[in-house]
Amino acid sequence: MNTTVSDASLLKRADCYKLLSACFCEPDKDLFREENVLSNLASILEDVCPEAATYARDMEIFFSETHAEELAIEHSSLFLGPFQLKAPPYGSVYLEKNRTVMGETTMQTLQLYQESGLNHDLKEPADHIAIELEFMNFLLMAQFEAENKGDEDELTELTNRNTLFLSRYLGRWVFRFCSSIVDNTENSYYCSLANCLDSF
């Protein structure tokens, strides 16, 4: 199989979404080191989005310099509560007037996953930032496969679904989410993560 420049770019973007998704899960220093999550993210972003790569390099430094407990506490404070979410990681909070978790747009997102052949069996609502980023990875990987099979109909459907998802869901709330993180933390790792995602 010959991988074209376009194919390679598609795969790199898919990898970026997957690695960024991991960054919004509870931080696990050992796992991040074993998988070279931040190093790989920065390296791939050098080709995909150099501005975001700068923030990813900062993330790598701050992650290594910050104690695991401090990272866990800040992750919880921003995204879990227990009292008020400083930076809610759910699309419906930003897309719906009453800022509800598990709103109508959450159900629409879940339906889109199911129509794409995915079963949402995670503990978080379907419009959690990590899940939506993972879905973008899935769509781009599926586009890559369709392109390599020469299946134009499948490729067109997946491209349209990608465009729909970004324009109706993820792309409509991700920038406000990133701003919420920056406005509500002094933690350098999470500020850099927000700026990295925003730039990407």
N, C-alpha and C. Protein backbone atom coordinates (compact mmCIF):
# COMPACT_ATOMS: atom_id res chain seq x y z
N MET A 1 0.85 -1.19 0.00
CA MET A 1 0.00 0.00 0.00
C MET A 1 0.88 1.24 0.00
N ASN A 2 0.67 2.16 -0.92
CA ASN A 2 1.41 3.41 -0.96
C ASN A 2 0.62 4.47 -0.20
N THR A 3 1.29 5.11 0.75
CA THR A 3 0.65 6.16 1.53
C THR A 3 1.02 7.50 0.94
N THR A 4 0.04 8.25 0.45
CA THR A 4 0.29 9.55 -0.15
C THR A 4 0.49 10.59 0.94
N VAL A 5 0.93 11.79 0.51
CA VAL A 5 1.10 12.90 1.46
C VAL A 5 -0.22 13.20 2.14
N SER A 6 -1.31 13.18 1.36
CA SER A 6 -2.64 13.43 1.92
C SER A 6 -3.01 12.38 2.96
N ASP A 7 -2.72 11.11 2.66
CA ASP A 7 -3.00 10.03 3.60
C ASP A 7 -2.21 10.21 4.89
N ALA A 8 -0.93 10.54 4.74
CA ALA A 8 -0.06 10.71 5.91
C ALA A 8 -0.57 11.84 6.79
N SER A 9 -1.02 12.92 6.17
CA SER A 9 -1.56 14.05 6.92
C SER A 9 -2.82 13.65 7.67
N LEU A 10 -3.67 12.85 7.02
CA LEU A 10 -4.90 12.37 7.65
C LEU A 10 -4.59 11.53 8.88
N LEU A 11 -3.62 10.65 8.75
CA LEU A 11 -3.22 9.78 9.87
C LEU A 11 -2.63 10.59 11.02
N LYS A 12 -1.84 11.59 10.70
CA LYS A 12 -1.24 12.43 11.74
C LYS A 12 -2.30 13.22 12.49
N ARG A 13 -3.26 13.77 11.75
CA ARG A 13 -4.35 14.49 12.41
C ARG A 13 -5.16 13.54 13.30
N ALA A 14 -5.40 12.33 12.81
CA ALA A 14 -6.13 11.34 13.61
C ALA A 14 -5.38 11.04 14.90
N ASP A 15 -4.06 10.87 14.80
CA ASP A 15 -3.25 10.61 15.99
C ASP A 15 -3.30 11.77 16.97
N CYS A 16 -3.30 12.99 16.46
CA CYS A 16 -3.37 14.16 17.34
C CYS A 16 -4.66 14.15 18.15
N TYR A 17 -5.77 13.84 17.49
CA TYR A 17 -7.05 13.78 18.21
C TYR A 17 -7.00 12.70 19.30
N LYS A 18 -6.42 11.56 18.99
CA LYS A 18 -6.36 10.47 19.96
C LYS A 18 -5.50 10.85 21.17
N LEU A 19 -4.35 11.46 20.91
CA LEU A 19 -3.44 11.84 22.00
C LEU A 19 -4.02 12.98 22.82
N LEU A 20 -4.66 13.93 22.18
CA LEU A 20 -5.32 15.02 22.93
C LEU A 20 -6.45 14.47 23.78
N SER A 21 -7.17 13.49 23.25
CA SER A 21 -8.22 12.85 24.03
C SER A 21 -7.66 12.27 25.33
N ALA A 22 -6.53 11.59 25.23
CA ALA A 22 -5.90 10.98 26.41
C ALA A 22 -5.53 12.04 27.45
N CYS A 23 -5.17 13.22 26.99
CA CYS A 23 -4.75 14.30 27.90
C CYS A 23 -5.89 14.82 28.76
N PHE A 24 -7.14 14.57 28.35
CA PHE A 24 -8.27 15.03 29.13
C PHE A 24 -8.84 13.95 30.05
N CYS A 25 -8.21 12.79 30.05
CA CYS A 25 -8.55 11.75 31.03
C CYS A 25 -7.73 12.01 32.29
N GLU A 26 -8.06 11.30 33.36
CA GLU A 26 -7.32 11.50 34.60
C GLU A 26 -5.84 11.23 34.37
N PRO A 27 -4.97 12.17 34.75
CA PRO A 27 -3.54 12.04 34.43
C PRO A 27 -2.88 10.86 35.13
N ASP A 28 -2.18 10.05 34.36
CA ASP A 28 -1.47 8.88 34.88
C ASP A 28 -0.02 9.00 34.42
N LYS A 29 0.84 9.45 35.33
CA LYS A 29 2.22 9.74 34.94
C LYS A 29 2.94 8.53 34.37
N ASP A 30 2.75 7.38 35.00
CA ASP A 30 3.44 6.17 34.51
C ASP A 30 2.99 5.81 33.10
N LEU A 31 1.68 5.84 32.87
CA LEU A 31 1.15 5.49 31.55
C LEU A 31 1.62 6.49 30.50
N PHE A 32 1.57 7.78 30.85
CA PHE A 32 2.00 8.81 29.90
C PHE A 32 3.47 8.61 29.51
N ARG A 33 4.29 8.23 30.50
CA ARG A 33 5.71 7.99 30.20
C ARG A 33 5.88 6.76 29.32
N GLU A 34 5.20 5.68 29.68
CA GLU A 34 5.31 4.43 28.92
C GLU A 34 4.88 4.61 27.47
N GLU A 35 3.81 5.36 27.27
CA GLU A 35 3.26 5.55 25.92
C GLU A 35 3.84 6.77 25.20
N ASN A 36 4.71 7.52 25.90
CA ASN A 36 5.29 8.75 25.31
C ASN A 36 4.20 9.66 24.75
N VAL A 37 3.12 9.80 25.50
CA VAL A 37 1.95 10.54 25.01
C VAL A 37 2.31 11.96 24.60
N LEU A 38 2.96 12.70 25.48
CA LEU A 38 3.20 14.12 25.20
C LEU A 38 4.31 14.32 24.19
N SER A 39 5.31 13.48 24.25
CA SER A 39 6.40 13.56 23.27
C SER A 39 5.88 13.26 21.87
N ASN A 40 5.06 12.21 21.76
CA ASN A 40 4.48 11.86 20.46
C ASN A 40 3.56 12.96 19.95
N LEU A 41 2.77 13.54 20.86
CA LEU A 41 1.86 14.61 20.46
C LEU A 41 2.65 15.80 19.90
N ALA A 42 3.67 16.21 20.63
CA ALA A 42 4.47 17.35 20.18
C ALA A 42 5.14 17.07 18.84
N SER A 43 5.66 15.87 18.70
CA SER A 43 6.35 15.49 17.47
C SER A 43 5.42 15.51 16.26
N ILE A 44 4.23 14.94 16.41
CA ILE A 44 3.28 14.90 15.30
C ILE A 44 2.77 16.30 14.97
N LEU A 45 2.53 17.10 16.02
CA LEU A 45 2.03 18.45 15.80
C LEU A 45 3.03 19.33 15.07
N GLU A 46 4.31 19.01 15.13
CA GLU A 46 5.31 19.79 14.40
C GLU A 46 4.96 19.85 12.92
N ASP A 47 4.42 18.76 12.39
CA ASP A 47 4.03 18.71 10.98
C ASP A 47 2.61 19.21 10.75
N VAL A 48 1.74 18.97 11.73
CA VAL A 48 0.32 19.27 11.54
C VAL A 48 -0.03 20.70 11.91
N CYS A 49 0.50 21.17 13.04
CA CYS A 49 0.18 22.51 13.54
C CYS A 49 1.32 22.98 14.45
N PRO A 50 2.34 23.60 13.89
CA PRO A 50 3.52 24.01 14.67
C PRO A 50 3.21 24.86 15.90
N GLU A 51 2.20 25.73 15.80
CA GLU A 51 1.84 26.55 16.96
C GLU A 51 1.39 25.67 18.13
N ALA A 52 0.56 24.67 17.82
CA ALA A 52 0.10 23.75 18.86
C ALA A 52 1.26 22.92 19.39
N ALA A 53 2.22 22.60 18.54
CA ALA A 53 3.38 21.82 18.96
C ALA A 53 4.17 22.53 20.05
N THR A 54 4.25 23.84 19.96
CA THR A 54 4.95 24.63 20.99
C THR A 54 4.30 24.42 22.36
N TYR A 55 2.98 24.45 22.37
CA TYR A 55 2.25 24.22 23.63
C TYR A 55 2.42 22.78 24.11
N ALA A 56 2.46 21.84 23.18
CA ALA A 56 2.65 20.44 23.55
C ALA A 56 4.02 20.21 24.18
N ARG A 57 5.04 20.90 23.69
CA ARG A 57 6.37 20.82 24.30
C ARG A 57 6.34 21.38 25.71
N ASP A 58 5.61 22.49 25.88
CA ASP A 58 5.45 23.07 27.23
C ASP A 58 4.74 22.08 28.15
N MET A 59 3.70 21.41 27.61
CA MET A 59 2.98 20.42 28.40
C MET A 59 3.93 19.34 28.90
N GLU A 60 4.80 18.89 28.01
CA GLU A 60 5.74 17.83 28.35
C GLU A 60 6.63 18.25 29.52
N ILE A 61 7.11 19.48 29.47
CA ILE A 61 7.98 20.01 30.54
C ILE A 61 7.20 20.13 31.84
N PHE A 62 6.03 20.77 31.78
CA PHE A 62 5.26 21.00 33.00
C PHE A 62 4.77 19.69 33.61
N PHE A 63 4.41 18.74 32.76
CA PHE A 63 3.95 17.44 33.26
C PHE A 63 5.05 16.74 34.05
N SER A 64 6.26 16.79 33.54
CA SER A 64 7.38 16.12 34.21
C SER A 64 7.77 16.83 35.50
N GLU A 65 7.52 18.14 35.57
CA GLU A 65 7.92 18.93 36.74
C GLU A 65 6.84 18.99 37.82
N THR A 66 5.63 18.55 37.50
CA THR A 66 4.51 18.65 38.44
C THR A 66 4.25 17.31 39.10
N HIS A 67 4.07 17.35 40.41
CA HIS A 67 3.80 16.13 41.18
C HIS A 67 2.46 15.53 40.74
N ALA A 68 2.41 14.21 40.71
CA ALA A 68 1.21 13.49 40.25
C ALA A 68 -0.03 13.90 41.03
N GLU A 69 0.11 14.09 42.34
CA GLU A 69 -1.04 14.45 43.16
C GLU A 69 -1.57 15.83 42.78
N GLU A 70 -0.67 16.75 42.50
CA GLU A 70 -1.08 18.10 42.10
C GLU A 70 -1.85 18.07 40.78
N LEU A 71 -1.37 17.25 39.84
CA LEU A 71 -2.07 17.11 38.56
C LEU A 71 -3.47 16.52 38.77
N ALA A 72 -3.56 15.51 39.61
CA ALA A 72 -4.84 14.85 39.87
C ALA A 72 -5.83 15.81 40.52
N ILE A 73 -5.34 16.61 41.47
CA ILE A 73 -6.20 17.57 42.17
C ILE A 73 -6.72 18.63 41.19
N GLU A 74 -5.82 19.12 40.33
CA GLU A 74 -6.23 20.16 39.38
C GLU A 74 -7.19 19.60 38.33
N HIS A 75 -6.96 18.37 37.89
CA HIS A 75 -7.87 17.71 36.96
C HIS A 75 -9.27 17.62 37.57
N SER A 76 -9.32 17.19 38.82
CA SER A 76 -10.60 17.06 39.51
C SER A 76 -11.27 18.42 39.68
N SER A 77 -10.50 19.41 40.06
CA SER A 77 -11.03 20.75 40.30
C SER A 77 -11.63 21.35 39.02
N LEU A 78 -10.96 21.13 37.90
CA LEU A 78 -11.43 21.71 36.64
C LEU A 78 -12.61 20.94 36.05
N PHE A 79 -12.52 19.62 36.05
CA PHE A 79 -13.42 18.81 35.23
C PHE A 79 -14.41 17.93 35.99
N LEU A 80 -14.19 17.73 37.30
CA LEU A 80 -15.04 16.79 38.05
C LEU A 80 -15.84 17.41 39.17
N GLY A 81 -15.38 18.46 39.76
CA GLY A 81 -16.08 19.05 40.91
C GLY A 81 -15.30 18.88 42.20
N PRO A 82 -15.87 18.58 43.34
CA PRO A 82 -17.21 18.02 43.54
C PRO A 82 -18.34 19.04 43.56
N PHE A 83 -18.03 20.32 43.78
CA PHE A 83 -19.13 21.27 43.96
C PHE A 83 -19.52 21.96 42.65
N GLN A 84 -18.59 22.68 42.07
CA GLN A 84 -18.87 23.37 40.81
C GLN A 84 -17.76 23.05 39.82
N LEU A 85 -18.15 22.71 38.61
CA LEU A 85 -17.16 22.46 37.56
C LEU A 85 -16.62 23.79 37.06
N LYS A 86 -15.31 23.97 37.17
CA LYS A 86 -14.70 25.22 36.70
C LYS A 86 -14.67 25.26 35.18
N ALA A 87 -14.40 24.12 34.57
CA ALA A 87 -14.34 24.03 33.11
C ALA A 87 -15.08 22.76 32.68
N PRO A 88 -16.40 22.81 32.66
CA PRO A 88 -17.17 21.60 32.34
C PRO A 88 -16.73 21.00 31.00
N PRO A 89 -16.39 19.70 30.99
CA PRO A 89 -15.89 19.09 29.75
C PRO A 89 -17.00 18.49 28.88
N TYR A 90 -18.22 19.01 29.02
CA TYR A 90 -19.38 18.47 28.32
C TYR A 90 -19.94 19.48 27.33
N GLY A 91 -20.14 19.06 26.10
CA GLY A 91 -20.62 19.96 25.06
C GLY A 91 -21.94 20.62 25.37
N SER A 92 -22.86 19.89 25.98
CA SER A 92 -24.21 20.43 26.22
C SER A 92 -24.19 21.66 27.12
N VAL A 93 -23.21 21.75 28.00
CA VAL A 93 -23.10 22.91 28.90
C VAL A 93 -22.89 24.19 28.09
N TYR A 94 -22.18 24.08 26.98
CA TYR A 94 -21.86 25.24 26.15
C TYR A 94 -22.87 25.45 25.01
N LEU A 95 -23.55 24.38 24.62
CA LEU A 95 -24.43 24.44 23.45
C LEU A 95 -25.89 24.71 23.79
N GLU A 96 -26.27 24.52 25.04
CA GLU A 96 -27.68 24.66 25.40
C GLU A 96 -27.89 25.82 26.38
N LYS A 97 -29.01 26.47 26.26
CA LYS A 97 -29.28 27.70 27.01
C LYS A 97 -29.19 27.50 28.52
N ASN A 98 -29.68 26.38 29.01
CA ASN A 98 -29.70 26.17 30.46
C ASN A 98 -28.44 25.50 30.99
N ARG A 99 -27.40 25.37 30.13
CA ARG A 99 -26.10 24.81 30.52
C ARG A 99 -26.24 23.47 31.25
N THR A 100 -27.03 22.58 30.69
CA THR A 100 -27.34 21.29 31.29
C THR A 100 -26.36 20.22 30.86
N VAL A 101 -25.95 19.38 31.81
CA VAL A 101 -25.21 18.18 31.48
C VAL A 101 -26.23 17.13 31.05
N MET A 102 -25.90 16.33 30.05
CA MET A 102 -26.81 15.32 29.50
C MET A 102 -28.05 15.97 28.89
N GLY A 103 -27.83 16.98 28.09
CA GLY A 103 -28.93 17.66 27.43
C GLY A 103 -29.28 17.02 26.10
N GLU A 104 -30.07 17.74 25.32
CA GLU A 104 -30.53 17.24 24.03
C GLU A 104 -29.35 17.00 23.08
N THR A 105 -28.37 17.89 23.09
CA THR A 105 -27.23 17.73 22.20
C THR A 105 -26.37 16.52 22.59
N THR A 106 -26.41 16.15 23.85
CA THR A 106 -25.70 14.93 24.28
C THR A 106 -26.31 13.71 23.61
N MET A 107 -27.64 13.68 23.59
CA MET A 107 -28.33 12.56 22.97
C MET A 107 -28.11 12.54 21.45
N GLN A 108 -28.06 13.72 20.85
CA GLN A 108 -27.79 13.80 19.41
C GLN A 108 -26.38 13.28 19.09
N THR A 109 -25.44 13.62 19.95
CA THR A 109 -24.06 13.14 19.77
C THR A 109 -24.00 11.63 19.88
N LEU A 110 -24.67 11.10 20.89
CA LEU A 110 -24.72 9.65 21.07
C LEU A 110 -25.33 8.97 19.84
N GLN A 111 -26.38 9.56 19.31
CA GLN A 111 -27.02 8.99 18.11
C GLN A 111 -26.05 8.98 16.93
N LEU A 112 -25.26 10.03 16.81
CA LEU A 112 -24.27 10.10 15.73
C LEU A 112 -23.22 9.00 15.88
N TYR A 113 -22.81 8.74 17.10
CA TYR A 113 -21.86 7.64 17.35
C TYR A 113 -22.48 6.30 16.91
N GLN A 114 -23.73 6.11 17.32
CA GLN A 114 -24.40 4.84 17.00
C GLN A 114 -24.59 4.67 15.50
N GLU A 115 -24.93 5.75 14.81
CA GLU A 115 -25.08 5.71 13.35
C GLU A 115 -23.74 5.40 12.67
N SER A 116 -22.65 5.69 13.37
CA SER A 116 -21.31 5.43 12.83
C SER A 116 -20.82 4.04 13.19
N GLY A 117 -21.68 3.28 13.89
CA GLY A 117 -21.33 1.90 14.24
C GLY A 117 -20.61 1.76 15.56
N LEU A 118 -20.66 2.80 16.39
CA LEU A 118 -19.98 2.75 17.68
C LEU A 118 -20.98 2.57 18.81
N ASN A 119 -20.57 1.83 19.82
CA ASN A 119 -21.36 1.69 21.04
C ASN A 119 -20.69 2.50 22.13
N HIS A 120 -21.43 3.43 22.71
CA HIS A 120 -20.89 4.27 23.77
C HIS A 120 -21.10 3.56 25.11
N ASP A 121 -20.04 2.96 25.63
CA ASP A 121 -20.18 2.22 26.88
C ASP A 121 -19.28 2.76 27.98
N LEU A 122 -18.90 4.04 27.87
CA LEU A 122 -18.06 4.67 28.88
C LEU A 122 -18.93 5.25 29.99
N LYS A 123 -18.28 5.61 31.09
CA LYS A 123 -19.02 6.13 32.24
C LYS A 123 -19.44 7.59 32.04
N GLU A 124 -18.76 8.29 31.16
CA GLU A 124 -19.05 9.71 30.94
C GLU A 124 -20.14 9.89 29.88
N PRO A 125 -20.83 11.04 29.90
CA PRO A 125 -21.79 11.34 28.84
C PRO A 125 -21.09 11.38 27.48
N ALA A 126 -21.87 11.19 26.42
CA ALA A 126 -21.32 11.07 25.07
C ALA A 126 -20.61 12.32 24.59
N ASP A 127 -20.95 13.48 25.16
CA ASP A 127 -20.33 14.72 24.68
C ASP A 127 -19.18 15.19 25.57
N HIS A 128 -18.58 14.28 26.32
CA HIS A 128 -17.36 14.60 27.07
C HIS A 128 -16.26 14.91 26.07
N ILE A 129 -15.41 15.88 26.36
CA ILE A 129 -14.37 16.31 25.42
C ILE A 129 -13.49 15.14 24.98
N ALA A 130 -13.11 14.27 25.90
CA ALA A 130 -12.22 13.15 25.54
C ALA A 130 -12.90 12.21 24.54
N ILE A 131 -14.20 12.01 24.72
CA ILE A 131 -14.95 11.11 23.83
C ILE A 131 -15.14 11.74 22.46
N GLU A 132 -15.44 13.03 22.43
CA GLU A 132 -15.61 13.69 21.14
C GLU A 132 -14.30 13.73 20.35
N LEU A 133 -13.19 13.96 21.05
CA LEU A 133 -11.88 13.93 20.36
C LEU A 133 -11.57 12.53 19.84
N GLU A 134 -11.92 11.53 20.63
CA GLU A 134 -11.72 10.14 20.21
C GLU A 134 -12.58 9.82 18.97
N PHE A 135 -13.77 10.39 18.94
CA PHE A 135 -14.65 10.18 17.79
C PHE A 135 -14.05 10.79 16.52
N MET A 136 -13.43 11.95 16.67
CA MET A 136 -12.75 12.56 15.52
C MET A 136 -11.62 11.64 15.03
N ASN A 137 -10.90 11.03 15.96
CA ASN A 137 -9.87 10.07 15.57
C ASN A 137 -10.49 8.92 14.77
N PHE A 138 -11.61 8.41 15.27
CA PHE A 138 -12.30 7.31 14.59
C PHE A 138 -12.71 7.69 13.17
N LEU A 139 -13.30 8.89 13.02
CA LEU A 139 -13.76 9.32 11.70
C LEU A 139 -12.60 9.48 10.72
N LEU A 140 -11.51 10.06 11.18
CA LEU A 140 -10.36 10.26 10.29
C LEU A 140 -9.71 8.93 9.90
N MET A 141 -9.64 8.01 10.85
CA MET A 141 -9.09 6.68 10.53
C MET A 141 -9.99 5.96 9.53
N ALA A 142 -11.30 6.10 9.70
CA ALA A 142 -12.24 5.48 8.77
C ALA A 142 -12.13 6.11 7.39
N GLN A 143 -11.91 7.43 7.34
CA GLN A 143 -11.70 8.11 6.06
C GLN A 143 -10.45 7.57 5.37
N PHE A 144 -9.40 7.40 6.14
CA PHE A 144 -8.15 6.87 5.60
C PHE A 144 -8.38 5.49 4.97
N GLU A 145 -9.10 4.64 5.68
CA GLU A 145 -9.37 3.29 5.18
C GLU A 145 -10.23 3.33 3.92
N ALA A 146 -11.25 4.18 3.91
CA ALA A 146 -12.12 4.29 2.74
C ALA A 146 -11.34 4.80 1.53
N GLU A 147 -10.47 5.75 1.78
CA GLU A 147 -9.66 6.32 0.69
C GLU A 147 -8.75 5.25 0.11
N ASN A 148 -8.16 4.44 0.97
CA ASN A 148 -7.24 3.41 0.50
C ASN A 148 -7.94 2.25 -0.18
N LYS A 149 -9.21 2.04 0.16
CA LYS A 149 -10.00 1.00 -0.52
C LYS A 149 -10.57 1.53 -1.83
N GLY A 150 -10.50 2.84 -2.02
CA GLY A 150 -11.09 3.44 -3.21
C GLY A 150 -12.60 3.50 -3.15
N ASP A 151 -13.15 3.49 -1.94
CA ASP A 151 -14.61 3.53 -1.75
C ASP A 151 -15.05 4.99 -1.66
N GLU A 152 -15.38 5.57 -2.81
CA GLU A 152 -15.72 6.99 -2.87
C GLU A 152 -17.00 7.32 -2.11
N ASP A 153 -17.98 6.43 -2.18
CA ASP A 153 -19.25 6.68 -1.48
C ASP A 153 -19.03 6.73 0.03
N GLU A 154 -18.27 5.76 0.55
CA GLU A 154 -17.97 5.72 1.99
C GLU A 154 -17.15 6.95 2.39
N LEU A 155 -16.19 7.30 1.56
CA LEU A 155 -15.34 8.46 1.86
C LEU A 155 -16.17 9.74 1.92
N THR A 156 -17.08 9.89 0.98
CA THR A 156 -17.94 11.08 0.96
C THR A 156 -18.83 11.12 2.20
N GLU A 157 -19.40 9.98 2.57
CA GLU A 157 -20.27 9.92 3.76
C GLU A 157 -19.49 10.27 5.02
N LEU A 158 -18.29 9.72 5.15
CA LEU A 158 -17.47 9.98 6.33
C LEU A 158 -17.01 11.44 6.39
N THR A 159 -16.64 11.98 5.24
CA THR A 159 -16.23 13.38 5.18
C THR A 159 -17.37 14.29 5.59
N ASN A 160 -18.57 13.98 5.10
CA ASN A 160 -19.75 14.76 5.47
C ASN A 160 -20.05 14.65 6.96
N ARG A 161 -19.88 13.45 7.50
CA ARG A 161 -20.14 13.24 8.93
C ARG A 161 -19.11 14.00 9.78
N ASN A 162 -17.89 14.00 9.33
CA ASN A 162 -16.83 14.76 10.00
C ASN A 162 -17.17 16.25 10.02
N THR A 163 -17.56 16.77 8.87
CA THR A 163 -17.92 18.19 8.74
C THR A 163 -19.12 18.52 9.62
N LEU A 164 -20.12 17.65 9.61
CA LEU A 164 -21.31 17.83 10.43
C LEU A 164 -20.96 17.86 11.92
N PHE A 165 -20.13 16.91 12.34
CA PHE A 165 -19.78 16.82 13.75
C PHE A 165 -19.03 18.06 14.22
N LEU A 166 -18.09 18.52 13.41
CA LEU A 166 -17.33 19.71 13.79
C LEU A 166 -18.20 20.97 13.77
N SER A 167 -19.04 21.10 12.76
CA SER A 167 -19.82 22.34 12.63
C SER A 167 -20.99 22.41 13.60
N ARG A 168 -21.56 21.26 13.96
CA ARG A 168 -22.74 21.25 14.81
C ARG A 168 -22.42 21.00 16.29
N TYR A 169 -21.32 20.30 16.54
CA TYR A 169 -21.02 19.90 17.92
C TYR A 169 -19.63 20.38 18.36
N LEU A 170 -18.61 19.58 18.21
CA LEU A 170 -17.30 19.89 18.78
C LEU A 170 -16.78 21.29 18.44
N GLY A 171 -16.87 21.65 17.17
CA GLY A 171 -16.34 22.95 16.75
C GLY A 171 -17.10 24.14 17.31
N ARG A 172 -18.30 23.93 17.79
CA ARG A 172 -19.11 25.03 18.34
C ARG A 172 -18.83 25.29 19.82
N TRP A 173 -18.19 24.34 20.50
CA TRP A 173 -18.00 24.57 21.93
C TRP A 173 -16.55 24.44 22.41
N VAL A 174 -15.67 23.87 21.62
CA VAL A 174 -14.33 23.57 22.10
C VAL A 174 -13.54 24.82 22.47
N PHE A 175 -13.74 25.93 21.74
CA PHE A 175 -12.97 27.14 22.03
C PHE A 175 -13.40 27.77 23.36
N ARG A 176 -14.70 27.74 23.64
CA ARG A 176 -15.18 28.26 24.93
C ARG A 176 -14.69 27.37 26.07
N PHE A 177 -14.65 26.07 25.82
CA PHE A 177 -14.13 25.14 26.82
C PHE A 177 -12.67 25.44 27.13
N CYS A 178 -11.87 25.64 26.10
CA CYS A 178 -10.46 25.96 26.30
C CYS A 178 -10.29 27.26 27.08
N SER A 179 -11.12 28.26 26.76
CA SER A 179 -11.08 29.54 27.49
C SER A 179 -11.43 29.35 28.95
N SER A 180 -12.39 28.46 29.23
CA SER A 180 -12.78 28.18 30.61
C SER A 180 -11.62 27.61 31.41
N ILE A 181 -10.84 26.75 30.77
CA ILE A 181 -9.69 26.17 31.46
C ILE A 181 -8.68 27.27 31.79
N VAL A 182 -8.32 28.06 30.79
CA VAL A 182 -7.32 29.11 30.99
C VAL A 182 -7.78 30.11 32.05
N ASP A 183 -9.07 30.42 32.06
CA ASP A 183 -9.61 31.41 33.01
C ASP A 183 -9.71 30.87 34.43
N ASN A 184 -9.65 29.55 34.59
CA ASN A 184 -9.93 28.97 35.90
C ASN A 184 -8.81 28.14 36.49
N THR A 185 -7.61 28.25 35.93
CA THR A 185 -6.48 27.53 36.52
C THR A 185 -5.21 28.34 36.40
N GLU A 186 -4.32 28.13 37.36
CA GLU A 186 -2.97 28.68 37.27
C GLU A 186 -1.97 27.56 37.00
N ASN A 187 -2.50 26.36 36.79
CA ASN A 187 -1.65 25.21 36.53
C ASN A 187 -1.11 25.29 35.11
N SER A 188 0.21 25.30 34.98
CA SER A 188 0.85 25.51 33.68
C SER A 188 0.56 24.38 32.70
N TYR A 189 0.47 23.15 33.22
CA TYR A 189 0.19 22.02 32.33
C TYR A 189 -1.19 22.16 31.69
N TYR A 190 -2.21 22.44 32.49
CA TYR A 190 -3.56 22.53 31.94
C TYR A 190 -3.77 23.78 31.09
N CYS A 191 -3.09 24.87 31.42
CA CYS A 191 -3.14 26.05 30.55
C CYS A 191 -2.55 25.73 29.18
N SER A 192 -1.42 25.03 29.19
CA SER A 192 -0.77 24.66 27.93
C SER A 192 -1.62 23.68 27.15
N LEU A 193 -2.28 22.74 27.84
CA LEU A 193 -3.17 21.80 27.17
C LEU A 193 -4.32 22.53 26.48
N ALA A 194 -4.92 23.47 27.18
CA ALA A 194 -6.02 24.25 26.61
C ALA A 194 -5.55 25.02 25.38
N ASN A 195 -4.39 25.64 25.48
CA ASN A 195 -3.86 26.41 24.35
C ASN A 195 -3.48 25.50 23.18
N CYS A 196 -3.01 24.31 23.49
CA CYS A 196 -2.64 23.34 22.47
C CYS A 196 -3.88 22.91 21.69
N LEU A 197 -4.94 22.55 22.41
CA LEU A 197 -6.18 22.13 21.75
C LEU A 197 -6.78 23.28 20.97
N ASP A 198 -6.79 24.46 21.54
CA ASP A 198 -7.34 25.64 20.88
C ASP A 198 -6.61 25.88 19.55
N SER A 199 -5.29 25.82 19.57
CA SER A 199 -4.49 26.06 18.37
C SER A 199 -4.71 24.97 17.33
N PHE A 200 -4.79 23.73 17.79
CA PHE A 200 -4.97 22.61 16.88
C PHE A 200 -6.31 22.65 16.21
